[in-house]
Amino acid sequence: GADKAAVARELGCDVVVDRRSEDVVSAVKDATGGRGADVIYDPVGGEA
């Protein structure tokens, strides 16, 4: 959601992906030049 995206930016995230309006996989690959993330912190499970 947009409200949570604003909070994430205020927290200092360099890149924010809104899973409700963006494809998470494509957005992360674009943000990393296709390399992906070195560490992924997942408190969600499921689709995340």
ModelCIF file with pLDDT and N, C-alpha, C, O atoms, coordinates in Angstrom:
data_MODEL
#
_entry.id   MODEL 
#
_entity.id                         1 
_entity.type                       polymer 
_entity.pdbx_number_of_molecules   1 
#
_entity_poly.entity_id                      1 
_entity_poly.type                           'polypeptide(L)' 
_entity_poly.nstd_linkage                   no 
_entity_poly.nstd_monomer                   no 
_entity_poly.pdbx_seq_one_letter_code       GADKAAVARELGCDVVVDRRSEDVVSAVKDATGGRGADVIYDPVGGEA 
_entity_poly.pdbx_seq_one_letter_code_can   GADKAAVARELGCDVVVDRRSEDVVSAVKDATGGRGADVIYDPVGGEA 
_entity_poly.pdbx_strand_id                 A 
#
loop_
_entity_poly_seq.entity_id 
_entity_poly_seq.num 
_entity_poly_seq.mon_id 
_entity_poly_seq.hetero 
1 1  GLY n 
1 2  ALA n 
1 3  ASP n 
1 4  LYS n 
1 5  ALA n 
1 6  ALA n 
1 7  VAL n 
1 8  ALA n 
1 9  ARG n 
1 10 GLU n 
1 11 LEU n 
1 12 GLY n 
1 13 CYS n 
1 14 ASP n 
1 15 VAL n 
1 16 VAL n 
1 17 VAL n 
1 18 ASP n 
1 19 ARG n 
1 20 ARG n 
1 21 SER n 
1 22 GLU n 
1 23 ASP n 
1 24 VAL n 
1 25 VAL n 
1 26 SER n 
1 27 ALA n 
1 28 VAL n 
1 29 LYS n 
1 30 ASP n 
1 31 ALA n 
1 32 THR n 
1 33 GLY n 
1 34 GLY n 
1 35 ARG n 
1 36 GLY n 
1 37 ALA n 
1 38 ASP n 
1 39 VAL n 
1 40 ILE n 
1 41 TYR n 
1 42 ASP n 
1 43 PRO n 
1 44 VAL n 
1 45 GLY n 
1 46 GLY n 
1 47 GLU n 
1 48 ALA n 
#
_struct_asym.id          A 
_struct_asym.entity_id   1 
#
loop_
_ma_qa_metric.id 
_ma_qa_metric.mode 
_ma_qa_metric.name 
_ma_qa_metric.software_group_id 
_ma_qa_metric.type 
1 global pLDDT . pLDDT 
2 local  pLDDT . pLDDT 
#
_ma_qa_metric_global.metric_id      1 
_ma_qa_metric_global.metric_value   96.96 
_ma_qa_metric_global.model_id       1 
_ma_qa_metric_global.ordinal_id     1 
#
loop_
_ma_qa_metric_local.label_asym_id 
_ma_qa_metric_local.label_comp_id 
_ma_qa_metric_local.label_seq_id 
_ma_qa_metric_local.metric_id 
_ma_qa_metric_local.metric_value 
_ma_qa_metric_local.model_id 
_ma_qa_metric_local.ordinal_id 
A GLY 1  2 95.00 1 1  
A ALA 2  2 96.00 1 2  
A ASP 3  2 94.00 1 3  
A LYS 4  2 96.00 1 4  
A ALA 5  2 97.00 1 5  
A ALA 6  2 97.00 1 6  
A VAL 7  2 96.00 1 7  
A ALA 8  2 97.00 1 8  
A ARG 9  2 97.00 1 9  
A GLU 10 2 95.00 1 10 
A LEU 11 2 95.00 1 11 
A GLY 12 2 95.00 1 12 
A CYS 13 2 98.00 1 13 
A ASP 14 2 98.00 1 14 
A VAL 15 2 98.00 1 15 
A VAL 16 2 98.00 1 16 
A VAL 17 2 98.00 1 17 
A ASP 18 2 98.00 1 18 
A ARG 19 2 97.00 1 19 
A ARG 20 2 96.00 1 20 
A SER 21 2 97.00 1 21 
A GLU 22 2 97.00 1 22 
A ASP 23 2 97.00 1 23 
A VAL 24 2 98.00 1 24 
A VAL 25 2 98.00 1 25 
A SER 26 2 98.00 1 26 
A ALA 27 2 98.00 1 27 
A VAL 28 2 98.00 1 28 
A LYS 29 2 98.00 1 29 
A ASP 30 2 98.00 1 30 
A ALA 31 2 98.00 1 31 
A THR 32 2 98.00 1 32 
A GLY 33 2 98.00 1 33 
A GLY 34 2 97.00 1 34 
A ARG 35 2 97.00 1 35 
A GLY 36 2 98.00 1 36 
A ALA 37 2 98.00 1 37 
A ASP 38 2 98.00 1 38 
A VAL 39 2 98.00 1 39 
A ILE 40 2 98.00 1 40 
A TYR 41 2 98.00 1 41 
A ASP 42 2 97.00 1 42 
A PRO 43 2 95.00 1 43 
A VAL 44 2 95.00 1 44 
A GLY 45 2 95.00 1 45 
A GLY 46 2 95.00 1 46 
A GLU 47 2 96.00 1 47 
A ALA 48 2 97.00 1 48 
#
loop_
_atom_site.group_PDB 
_atom_site.id 
_atom_site.type_symbol 
_atom_site.label_atom_id 
_atom_site.label_alt_id 
_atom_site.label_comp_id 
_atom_site.label_asym_id 
_atom_site.label_entity_id 
_atom_site.label_seq_id 
_atom_site.pdbx_PDB_ins_code 
_atom_site.Cartn_x 
_atom_site.Cartn_y 
_atom_site.Cartn_z 
_atom_site.occupancy 
_atom_site.B_iso_or_equiv 
_atom_site.pdbx_formal_charge 
_atom_site.auth_seq_id 
_atom_site.auth_comp_id 
_atom_site.auth_asym_id 
_atom_site.auth_atom_id 
_atom_site.pdbx_PDB_model_num 
ATOM 1   N N  . GLY A 1 1  ? 0.799  -1.213  0.000   1.00 95.00 ? 1  GLY A N  1 
ATOM 2   C CA . GLY A 1 1  ? 0.000  0.000   0.000   1.00 95.00 ? 1  GLY A CA 1 
ATOM 3   C C  . GLY A 1 1  ? 0.834  1.266   0.000   1.00 95.00 ? 1  GLY A C  1 
ATOM 4   O O  . GLY A 1 1  ? 1.977  1.275   0.457   1.00 95.00 ? 1  GLY A O  1 
ATOM 5   N N  . ALA A 1 2  ? 0.243  2.340   -0.522  1.00 96.00 ? 2  ALA A N  1 
ATOM 6   C CA . ALA A 1 2  ? 0.946  3.611   -0.665  1.00 96.00 ? 2  ALA A CA 1 
ATOM 7   C C  . ALA A 1 2  ? 1.335  4.215   0.683   1.00 96.00 ? 2  ALA A C  1 
ATOM 8   O O  . ALA A 1 2  ? 2.420  4.780   0.819   1.00 96.00 ? 2  ALA A O  1 
ATOM 9   N N  . ASP A 1 3  ? 0.458  4.099   1.678   1.00 94.00 ? 3  ASP A N  1 
ATOM 10  C CA . ASP A 1 3  ? 0.774  4.659   2.993   1.00 94.00 ? 3  ASP A CA 1 
ATOM 11  C C  . ASP A 1 3  ? 1.991  3.971   3.598   1.00 94.00 ? 3  ASP A C  1 
ATOM 12  O O  . ASP A 1 3  ? 2.864  4.628   4.167   1.00 94.00 ? 3  ASP A O  1 
ATOM 13  N N  . LYS A 1 4  ? 2.046  2.671   3.476   1.00 96.00 ? 4  LYS A N  1 
ATOM 14  C CA . LYS A 1 4  ? 3.185  1.927   4.019   1.00 96.00 ? 4  LYS A CA 1 
ATOM 15  C C  . LYS A 1 4  ? 4.449  2.197   3.204   1.00 96.00 ? 4  LYS A C  1 
ATOM 16  O O  . LYS A 1 4  ? 5.554  2.170   3.746   1.00 96.00 ? 4  LYS A O  1 
ATOM 17  N N  . ALA A 1 5  ? 4.293  2.455   1.923   1.00 97.00 ? 5  ALA A N  1 
ATOM 18  C CA . ALA A 1 5  ? 5.442  2.802   1.096   1.00 97.00 ? 5  ALA A CA 1 
ATOM 19  C C  . ALA A 1 5  ? 6.068  4.105   1.583   1.00 97.00 ? 5  ALA A C  1 
ATOM 20  O O  . ALA A 1 5  ? 7.292  4.234   1.622   1.00 97.00 ? 5  ALA A O  1 
ATOM 21  N N  . ALA A 1 6  ? 5.230  5.065   1.953   1.00 97.00 ? 6  ALA A N  1 
ATOM 22  C CA . ALA A 1 6  ? 5.736  6.341   2.462   1.00 97.00 ? 6  ALA A CA 1 
ATOM 23  C C  . ALA A 1 6  ? 6.497  6.136   3.767   1.00 97.00 ? 6  ALA A C  1 
ATOM 24  O O  . ALA A 1 6  ? 7.536  6.757   3.992   1.00 97.00 ? 6  ALA A O  1 
ATOM 25  N N  . VAL A 1 7  ? 5.976  5.263   4.622   1.00 96.00 ? 7  VAL A N  1 
ATOM 26  C CA . VAL A 1 7  ? 6.652  4.977   5.890   1.00 96.00 ? 7  VAL A CA 1 
ATOM 27  C C  . VAL A 1 7  ? 8.006  4.333   5.627   1.00 96.00 ? 7  VAL A C  1 
ATOM 28  O O  . VAL A 1 7  ? 8.994  4.689   6.268   1.00 96.00 ? 7  VAL A O  1 
ATOM 29  N N  . ALA A 1 8  ? 8.062  3.396   4.697   1.00 97.00 ? 8  ALA A N  1 
ATOM 30  C CA . ALA A 1 8  ? 9.317  2.709   4.386   1.00 97.00 ? 8  ALA A CA 1 
ATOM 31  C C  . ALA A 1 8  ? 10.367 3.684   3.869   1.00 97.00 ? 8  ALA A C  1 
ATOM 32  O O  . ALA A 1 8  ? 11.549 3.554   4.188   1.00 97.00 ? 8  ALA A O  1 
ATOM 33  N N  . ARG A 1 9  ? 9.942  4.653   3.078   1.00 97.00 ? 9  ARG A N  1 
ATOM 34  C CA . ARG A 1 9  ? 10.891 5.659   2.586   1.00 97.00 ? 9  ARG A CA 1 
ATOM 35  C C  . ARG A 1 9  ? 11.415 6.501   3.741   1.00 97.00 ? 9  ARG A C  1 
ATOM 36  O O  . ARG A 1 9  ? 12.606 6.805   3.799   1.00 97.00 ? 9  ARG A O  1 
ATOM 37  N N  . GLU A 1 10 ? 10.533 6.876   4.657   1.00 95.00 ? 10 GLU A N  1 
ATOM 38  C CA . GLU A 1 10 ? 10.952 7.663   5.808   1.00 95.00 ? 10 GLU A CA 1 
ATOM 39  C C  . GLU A 1 10 ? 11.926 6.884   6.693   1.00 95.00 ? 10 GLU A C  1 
ATOM 40  O O  . GLU A 1 10 ? 12.796 7.473   7.334   1.00 95.00 ? 10 GLU A O  1 
ATOM 41  N N  . LEU A 1 11 ? 11.775 5.555   6.723   1.00 95.00 ? 11 LEU A N  1 
ATOM 42  C CA . LEU A 1 11 ? 12.674 4.723   7.520   1.00 95.00 ? 11 LEU A CA 1 
ATOM 43  C C  . LEU A 1 11 ? 14.074 4.656   6.922   1.00 95.00 ? 11 LEU A C  1 
ATOM 44  O O  . LEU A 1 11 ? 15.034 4.304   7.609   1.00 95.00 ? 11 LEU A O  1 
ATOM 45  N N  . GLY A 1 12 ? 14.186 4.996   5.632   1.00 95.00 ? 12 GLY A N  1 
ATOM 46  C CA . GLY A 1 12 ? 15.499 4.991   4.995   1.00 95.00 ? 12 GLY A CA 1 
ATOM 47  C C  . GLY A 1 12 ? 15.691 3.968   3.906   1.00 95.00 ? 12 GLY A C  1 
ATOM 48  O O  . GLY A 1 12 ? 16.810 3.806   3.418   1.00 95.00 ? 12 GLY A O  1 
ATOM 49  N N  . CYS A 1 13 ? 14.637 3.263   3.498   1.00 98.00 ? 13 CYS A N  1 
ATOM 50  C CA . CYS A 1 13 ? 14.786 2.291   2.409   1.00 98.00 ? 13 CYS A CA 1 
ATOM 51  C C  . CYS A 1 13 ? 15.301 2.989   1.151   1.00 98.00 ? 13 CYS A C  1 
ATOM 52  O O  . CYS A 1 13 ? 14.801 4.051   0.778   1.00 98.00 ? 13 CYS A O  1 
ATOM 53  N N  . ASP A 1 14 ? 16.291 2.397   0.505   1.00 98.00 ? 14 ASP A N  1 
ATOM 54  C CA . ASP A 1 14 ? 16.829 2.951   -0.734  1.00 98.00 ? 14 ASP A CA 1 
ATOM 55  C C  . ASP A 1 14 ? 15.882 2.718   -1.902  1.00 98.00 ? 14 ASP A C  1 
ATOM 56  O O  . ASP A 1 14 ? 15.790 3.537   -2.816  1.00 98.00 ? 14 ASP A O  1 
ATOM 57  N N  . VAL A 1 15 ? 15.184 1.596   -1.860  1.00 98.00 ? 15 VAL A N  1 
ATOM 58  C CA . VAL A 1 15 ? 14.193 1.253   -2.876  1.00 98.00 ? 15 VAL A CA 1 
ATOM 59  C C  . VAL A 1 15 ? 12.966 0.719   -2.160  1.00 98.00 ? 15 VAL A C  1 
ATOM 60  O O  . VAL A 1 15 ? 13.089 -0.090  -1.239  1.00 98.00 ? 15 VAL A O  1 
ATOM 61  N N  . VAL A 1 16 ? 11.787 1.158   -2.568  1.00 98.00 ? 16 VAL A N  1 
ATOM 62  C CA . VAL A 1 16 ? 10.537 0.672   -1.978  1.00 98.00 ? 16 VAL A CA 1 
ATOM 63  C C  . VAL A 1 16 ? 9.689  0.042   -3.076  1.00 98.00 ? 16 VAL A C  1 
ATOM 64  O O  . VAL A 1 16 ? 9.482  0.643   -4.131  1.00 98.00 ? 16 VAL A O  1 
ATOM 65  N N  . VAL A 1 17 ? 9.200  -1.168  -2.826  1.00 98.00 ? 17 VAL A N  1 
ATOM 66  C CA . VAL A 1 17 ? 8.358  -1.884  -3.779  1.00 98.00 ? 17 VAL A CA 1 
ATOM 67  C C  . VAL A 1 17 ? 6.995  -2.101  -3.148  1.00 98.00 ? 17 VAL A C  1 
ATOM 68  O O  . VAL A 1 17 ? 6.886  -2.724  -2.092  1.00 98.00 ? 17 VAL A O  1 
ATOM 69  N N  . ASP A 1 18 ? 5.956  -1.590  -3.794  1.00 98.00 ? 18 ASP A N  1 
ATOM 70  C CA . ASP A 1 18 ? 4.581  -1.786  -3.321  1.00 98.00 ? 18 ASP A CA 1 
ATOM 71  C C  . ASP A 1 18 ? 4.012  -3.023  -3.998  1.00 98.00 ? 18 ASP A C  1 
ATOM 72  O O  . ASP A 1 18 ? 3.712  -3.010  -5.192  1.00 98.00 ? 18 ASP A O  1 
ATOM 73  N N  . ARG A 1 19 ? 3.868  -4.081  -3.230  1.00 97.00 ? 19 ARG A N  1 
ATOM 74  C CA . ARG A 1 19 ? 3.430  -5.354  -3.814  1.00 97.00 ? 19 ARG A CA 1 
ATOM 75  C C  . ARG A 1 19 ? 2.002  -5.288  -4.346  1.00 97.00 ? 19 ARG A C  1 
ATOM 76  O O  . ARG A 1 19 ? 1.587  -6.156  -5.113  1.00 97.00 ? 19 ARG A O  1 
ATOM 77  N N  . ARG A 1 20 ? 1.243  -4.261  -3.944  1.00 96.00 ? 20 ARG A N  1 
ATOM 78  C CA . ARG A 1 20 ? -0.142 -4.141  -4.421  1.00 96.00 ? 20 ARG A CA 1 
ATOM 79  C C  . ARG A 1 20 ? -0.215 -3.529  -5.821  1.00 96.00 ? 20 ARG A C  1 
ATOM 80  O O  . ARG A 1 20 ? -1.191 -3.737  -6.542  1.00 96.00 ? 20 ARG A O  1 
ATOM 81  N N  . SER A 1 21 ? 0.802  -2.788  -6.197  1.00 97.00 ? 21 SER A N  1 
ATOM 82  C CA . SER A 1 21 ? 0.764  -2.122  -7.501  1.00 97.00 ? 21 SER A CA 1 
ATOM 83  C C  . SER A 1 21 ? 1.946  -2.493  -8.389  1.00 97.00 ? 21 SER A C  1 
ATOM 84  O O  . SER A 1 21 ? 1.995  -2.077  -9.547  1.00 97.00 ? 21 SER A O  1 
ATOM 85  N N  . GLU A 1 22 ? 2.906  -3.271  -7.869  1.00 97.00 ? 22 GLU A N  1 
ATOM 86  C CA . GLU A 1 22 ? 4.081  -3.646  -8.646  1.00 97.00 ? 22 GLU A CA 1 
ATOM 87  C C  . GLU A 1 22 ? 4.314  -5.146  -8.561  1.00 97.00 ? 22 GLU A C  1 
ATOM 88  O O  . GLU A 1 22 ? 3.905  -5.802  -7.603  1.00 97.00 ? 22 GLU A O  1 
ATOM 89  N N  . ASP A 1 23 ? 4.974  -5.670  -9.574  1.00 97.00 ? 23 ASP A N  1 
ATOM 90  C CA . ASP A 1 23 ? 5.418  -7.055  -9.531  1.00 97.00 ? 23 ASP A CA 1 
ATOM 91  C C  . ASP A 1 23 ? 6.713  -7.089  -8.738  1.00 97.00 ? 23 ASP A C  1 
ATOM 92  O O  . ASP A 1 23 ? 7.721  -6.526  -9.165  1.00 97.00 ? 23 ASP A O  1 
ATOM 93  N N  . VAL A 1 24 ? 6.690  -7.744  -7.592  1.00 98.00 ? 24 VAL A N  1 
ATOM 94  C CA . VAL A 1 24 ? 7.835  -7.717  -6.683  1.00 98.00 ? 24 VAL A CA 1 
ATOM 95  C C  . VAL A 1 24 ? 9.082  -8.288  -7.337  1.00 98.00 ? 24 VAL A C  1 
ATOM 96  O O  . VAL A 1 24 ? 10.156 -7.695  -7.239  1.00 98.00 ? 24 VAL A O  1 
ATOM 97  N N  . VAL A 1 25 ? 8.959  -9.413  -7.992  1.00 98.00 ? 25 VAL A N  1 
ATOM 98  C CA . VAL A 1 25 ? 10.123 -10.070 -8.588  1.00 98.00 ? 25 VAL A CA 1 
ATOM 99  C C  . VAL A 1 25 ? 10.765 -9.172  -9.640  1.00 98.00 ? 25 VAL A C  1 
ATOM 100 O O  . VAL A 1 25 ? 11.982 -8.984  -9.633  1.00 98.00 ? 25 VAL A O  1 
ATOM 101 N N  . SER A 1 26 ? 9.962  -8.619  -10.541 1.00 98.00 ? 26 SER A N  1 
ATOM 102 C CA . SER A 1 26 ? 10.500 -7.756  -11.598 1.00 98.00 ? 26 SER A CA 1 
ATOM 103 C C  . SER A 1 26 ? 11.123 -6.499  -11.014 1.00 98.00 ? 26 SER A C  1 
ATOM 104 O O  . SER A 1 26 ? 12.187 -6.067  -11.457 1.00 98.00 ? 26 SER A O  1 
ATOM 105 N N  . ALA A 1 27 ? 10.458 -5.907  -10.013 1.00 98.00 ? 27 ALA A N  1 
ATOM 106 C CA . ALA A 1 27 ? 10.952 -4.664  -9.423  1.00 98.00 ? 27 ALA A CA 1 
ATOM 107 C C  . ALA A 1 27 ? 12.290 -4.871  -8.731  1.00 98.00 ? 27 ALA A C  1 
ATOM 108 O O  . ALA A 1 27 ? 13.183 -4.031  -8.840  1.00 98.00 ? 27 ALA A O  1 
ATOM 109 N N  . VAL A 1 28 ? 12.433 -5.984  -8.019  1.00 98.00 ? 28 VAL A N  1 
ATOM 110 C CA . VAL A 1 28 ? 13.694 -6.252  -7.312  1.00 98.00 ? 28 VAL A CA 1 
ATOM 111 C C  . VAL A 1 28 ? 14.805 -6.553  -8.308  1.00 98.00 ? 28 VAL A C  1 
ATOM 112 O O  . VAL A 1 28 ? 15.934 -6.097  -8.129  1.00 98.00 ? 28 VAL A O  1 
ATOM 113 N N  . LYS A 1 29 ? 14.504 -7.307  -9.343  1.00 98.00 ? 29 LYS A N  1 
ATOM 114 C CA . LYS A 1 29 ? 15.523 -7.596  -10.355 1.00 98.00 ? 29 LYS A CA 1 
ATOM 115 C C  . LYS A 1 29 ? 15.967 -6.318  -11.055 1.00 98.00 ? 29 LYS A C  1 
ATOM 116 O O  . LYS A 1 29 ? 17.152 -6.135  -11.334 1.00 98.00 ? 29 LYS A O  1 
ATOM 117 N N  . ASP A 1 30 ? 15.010 -5.434  -11.339 1.00 98.00 ? 30 ASP A N  1 
ATOM 118 C CA . ASP A 1 30 ? 15.357 -4.159  -11.963 1.00 98.00 ? 30 ASP A CA 1 
ATOM 119 C C  . ASP A 1 30 ? 16.242 -3.329  -11.045 1.00 98.00 ? 30 ASP A C  1 
ATOM 120 O O  . ASP A 1 30 ? 17.200 -2.699  -11.493 1.00 98.00 ? 30 ASP A O  1 
ATOM 121 N N  . ALA A 1 31 ? 15.915 -3.331  -9.756  1.00 98.00 ? 31 ALA A N  1 
ATOM 122 C CA . ALA A 1 31 ? 16.655 -2.507  -8.796  1.00 98.00 ? 31 ALA A CA 1 
ATOM 123 C C  . ALA A 1 31 ? 18.057 -3.029  -8.538  1.00 98.00 ? 31 ALA A C  1 
ATOM 124 O O  . ALA A 1 31 ? 18.922 -2.287  -8.072  1.00 98.00 ? 31 ALA A O  1 
ATOM 125 N N  . THR A 1 32 ? 18.290 -4.306  -8.838  1.00 98.00 ? 32 THR A N  1 
ATOM 126 C CA . THR A 1 32 ? 19.602 -4.915  -8.558  1.00 98.00 ? 32 THR A CA 1 
ATOM 127 C C  . THR A 1 32 ? 20.352 -5.289  -9.829  1.00 98.00 ? 32 THR A C  1 
ATOM 128 O O  . THR A 1 32 ? 21.354 -6.002  -9.771  1.00 98.00 ? 32 THR A O  1 
ATOM 129 N N  . GLY A 1 33 ? 19.883 -4.820  -10.961 1.00 98.00 ? 33 GLY A N  1 
ATOM 130 C CA . GLY A 1 33 ? 20.533 -5.161  -12.217 1.00 98.00 ? 33 GLY A CA 1 
ATOM 131 C C  . GLY A 1 33 ? 20.481 -6.636  -12.532 1.00 98.00 ? 33 GLY A C  1 
ATOM 132 O O  . GLY A 1 33 ? 21.359 -7.168  -13.211 1.00 98.00 ? 33 GLY A O  1 
ATOM 133 N N  . GLY A 1 34 ? 19.445 -7.300  -12.034 1.00 97.00 ? 34 GLY A N  1 
ATOM 134 C CA . GLY A 1 34 ? 19.263 -8.724  -12.276 1.00 97.00 ? 34 GLY A CA 1 
ATOM 135 C C  . GLY A 1 34 ? 19.987 -9.627  -11.296 1.00 97.00 ? 34 GLY A C  1 
ATOM 136 O O  . GLY A 1 34 ? 19.801 -10.843 -11.326 1.00 97.00 ? 34 GLY A O  1 
ATOM 137 N N  . ARG A 1 35 ? 20.814 -9.053  -10.422 1.00 97.00 ? 35 ARG A N  1 
ATOM 138 C CA . ARG A 1 35 ? 21.616 -9.867  -9.510  1.00 97.00 ? 35 ARG A CA 1 
ATOM 139 C C  . ARG A 1 35 ? 20.794 -10.429 -8.356  1.00 97.00 ? 35 ARG A C  1 
ATOM 140 O O  . ARG A 1 35 ? 21.012 -11.571 -7.951  1.00 97.00 ? 35 ARG A O  1 
ATOM 141 N N  . GLY A 1 36 ? 19.863 -9.658  -7.822  1.00 98.00 ? 36 GLY A N  1 
ATOM 142 C CA . GLY A 1 36 ? 19.069 -10.089 -6.684  1.00 98.00 ? 36 GLY A CA 1 
ATOM 143 C C  . GLY A 1 36 ? 19.625 -9.577  -5.373  1.00 98.00 ? 36 GLY A C  1 
ATOM 144 O O  . GLY A 1 36 ? 20.614 -8.844  -5.356  1.00 98.00 ? 36 GLY A O  1 
ATOM 145 N N  . ALA A 1 37 ? 18.994 -9.959  -4.276  1.00 98.00 ? 37 ALA A N  1 
ATOM 146 C CA . ALA A 1 37 ? 19.365 -9.488  -2.937  1.00 98.00 ? 37 ALA A CA 1 
ATOM 147 C C  . ALA A 1 37 ? 20.273 -10.499 -2.244  1.00 98.00 ? 37 ALA A C  1 
ATOM 148 O O  . ALA A 1 37 ? 20.053 -11.708 -2.319  1.00 98.00 ? 37 ALA A O  1 
ATOM 149 N N  . ASP A 1 38 ? 21.292 -9.982  -1.572  1.00 98.00 ? 38 ASP A N  1 
ATOM 150 C CA . ASP A 1 38 ? 22.223 -10.852 -0.858  1.00 98.00 ? 38 ASP A CA 1 
ATOM 151 C C  . ASP A 1 38 ? 21.585 -11.467 0.382   1.00 98.00 ? 38 ASP A C  1 
ATOM 152 O O  . ASP A 1 38 ? 21.790 -12.643 0.681   1.00 98.00 ? 38 ASP A O  1 
ATOM 153 N N  . VAL A 1 39 ? 20.810 -10.658 1.098   1.00 98.00 ? 39 VAL A N  1 
ATOM 154 C CA . VAL A 1 39 ? 20.123 -11.136 2.296   1.00 98.00 ? 39 VAL A CA 1 
ATOM 155 C C  . VAL A 1 39 ? 18.656 -10.757 2.190   1.00 98.00 ? 39 VAL A C  1 
ATOM 156 O O  . VAL A 1 39 ? 18.330 -9.622  1.840   1.00 98.00 ? 39 VAL A O  1 
ATOM 157 N N  . ILE A 1 40 ? 17.771 -11.695 2.489   1.00 98.00 ? 40 ILE A N  1 
ATOM 158 C CA . ILE A 1 40 ? 16.328 -11.438 2.466   1.00 98.00 ? 40 ILE A CA 1 
ATOM 159 C C  . ILE A 1 40 ? 15.767 -11.758 3.839   1.00 98.00 ? 40 ILE A C  1 
ATOM 160 O O  . ILE A 1 40 ? 15.949 -12.858 4.360   1.00 98.00 ? 40 ILE A O  1 
ATOM 161 N N  . TYR A 1 41 ? 15.089 -10.792 4.410   1.00 98.00 ? 41 TYR A N  1 
ATOM 162 C CA . TYR A 1 41 ? 14.549 -10.903 5.774   1.00 98.00 ? 41 TYR A CA 1 
ATOM 163 C C  . TYR A 1 41 ? 13.040 -11.073 5.649   1.00 98.00 ? 41 TYR A C  1 
ATOM 164 O O  . TYR A 1 41 ? 12.338 -10.156 5.222   1.00 98.00 ? 41 TYR A O  1 
ATOM 165 N N  . ASP A 1 42 ? 12.545 -12.254 6.026   1.00 97.00 ? 42 ASP A N  1 
ATOM 166 C CA . ASP A 1 42 ? 11.148 -12.600 5.749   1.00 97.00 ? 42 ASP A CA 1 
ATOM 167 C C  . ASP A 1 42 ? 10.358 -12.952 7.008   1.00 97.00 ? 42 ASP A C  1 
ATOM 168 O O  . ASP A 1 42 ? 10.464 -14.072 7.507   1.00 97.00 ? 42 ASP A O  1 
ATOM 169 N N  . PRO A 1 43 ? 9.565  -12.010 7.528   1.00 95.00 ? 43 PRO A N  1 
ATOM 170 C CA . PRO A 1 43 ? 8.659  -12.318 8.625   1.00 95.00 ? 43 PRO A CA 1 
ATOM 171 C C  . PRO A 1 43 ? 7.253  -12.684 8.150   1.00 95.00 ? 43 PRO A C  1 
ATOM 172 O O  . PRO A 1 43 ? 6.336  -12.806 8.962   1.00 95.00 ? 43 PRO A O  1 
ATOM 173 N N  . VAL A 1 44 ? 7.085  -12.859 6.844   1.00 95.00 ? 44 VAL A N  1 
ATOM 174 C CA . VAL A 1 44 ? 5.745  -13.004 6.248   1.00 95.00 ? 44 VAL A CA 1 
ATOM 175 C C  . VAL A 1 44 ? 5.434  -14.431 5.838   1.00 95.00 ? 44 VAL A C  1 
ATOM 176 O O  . VAL A 1 44 ? 4.360  -14.946 6.150   1.00 95.00 ? 44 VAL A O  1 
ATOM 177 N N  . GLY A 1 45 ? 6.373  -15.084 5.133   1.00 95.00 ? 45 GLY A N  1 
ATOM 178 C CA . GLY A 1 45 ? 6.104  -16.423 4.624   1.00 95.00 ? 45 GLY A CA 1 
ATOM 179 C C  . GLY A 1 45 ? 5.182  -16.391 3.424   1.00 95.00 ? 45 GLY A C  1 
ATOM 180 O O  . GLY A 1 45 ? 5.008  -15.346 2.797   1.00 95.00 ? 45 GLY A O  1 
ATOM 181 N N  . GLY A 1 46 ? 4.590  -17.528 3.100   1.00 95.00 ? 46 GLY A N  1 
ATOM 182 C CA . GLY A 1 46 ? 3.642  -17.594 1.996   1.00 95.00 ? 46 GLY A CA 1 
ATOM 183 C C  . GLY A 1 46 ? 4.227  -17.119 0.685   1.00 95.00 ? 46 GLY A C  1 
ATOM 184 O O  . GLY A 1 46 ? 5.330  -17.514 0.308   1.00 95.00 ? 46 GLY A O  1 
ATOM 185 N N  . GLU A 1 47 ? 3.485  -16.265 -0.015  1.00 96.00 ? 47 GLU A N  1 
ATOM 186 C CA . GLU A 1 47 ? 3.915  -15.753 -1.314  1.00 96.00 ? 47 GLU A CA 1 
ATOM 187 C C  . GLU A 1 47 ? 5.204  -14.952 -1.214  1.00 96.00 ? 47 GLU A C  1 
ATOM 188 O O  . GLU A 1 47 ? 6.013  -14.952 -2.142  1.00 96.00 ? 47 GLU A O  1 
ATOM 189 N N  . ALA A 1 48 ? 5.398  -14.266 -0.084  1.00 97.00 ? 48 ALA A N  1 
ATOM 190 C CA . ALA A 1 48 ? 6.632  -13.493 0.098   1.00 97.00 ? 48 ALA A CA 1 
ATOM 191 C C  . ALA A 1 48 ? 7.855  -14.406 0.031   1.00 97.00 ? 48 ALA A C  1 
ATOM 192 O O  . ALA A 1 48 ? 8.985  -13.935 0.162   1.00 97.00 ? 48 ALA A O  1 
#
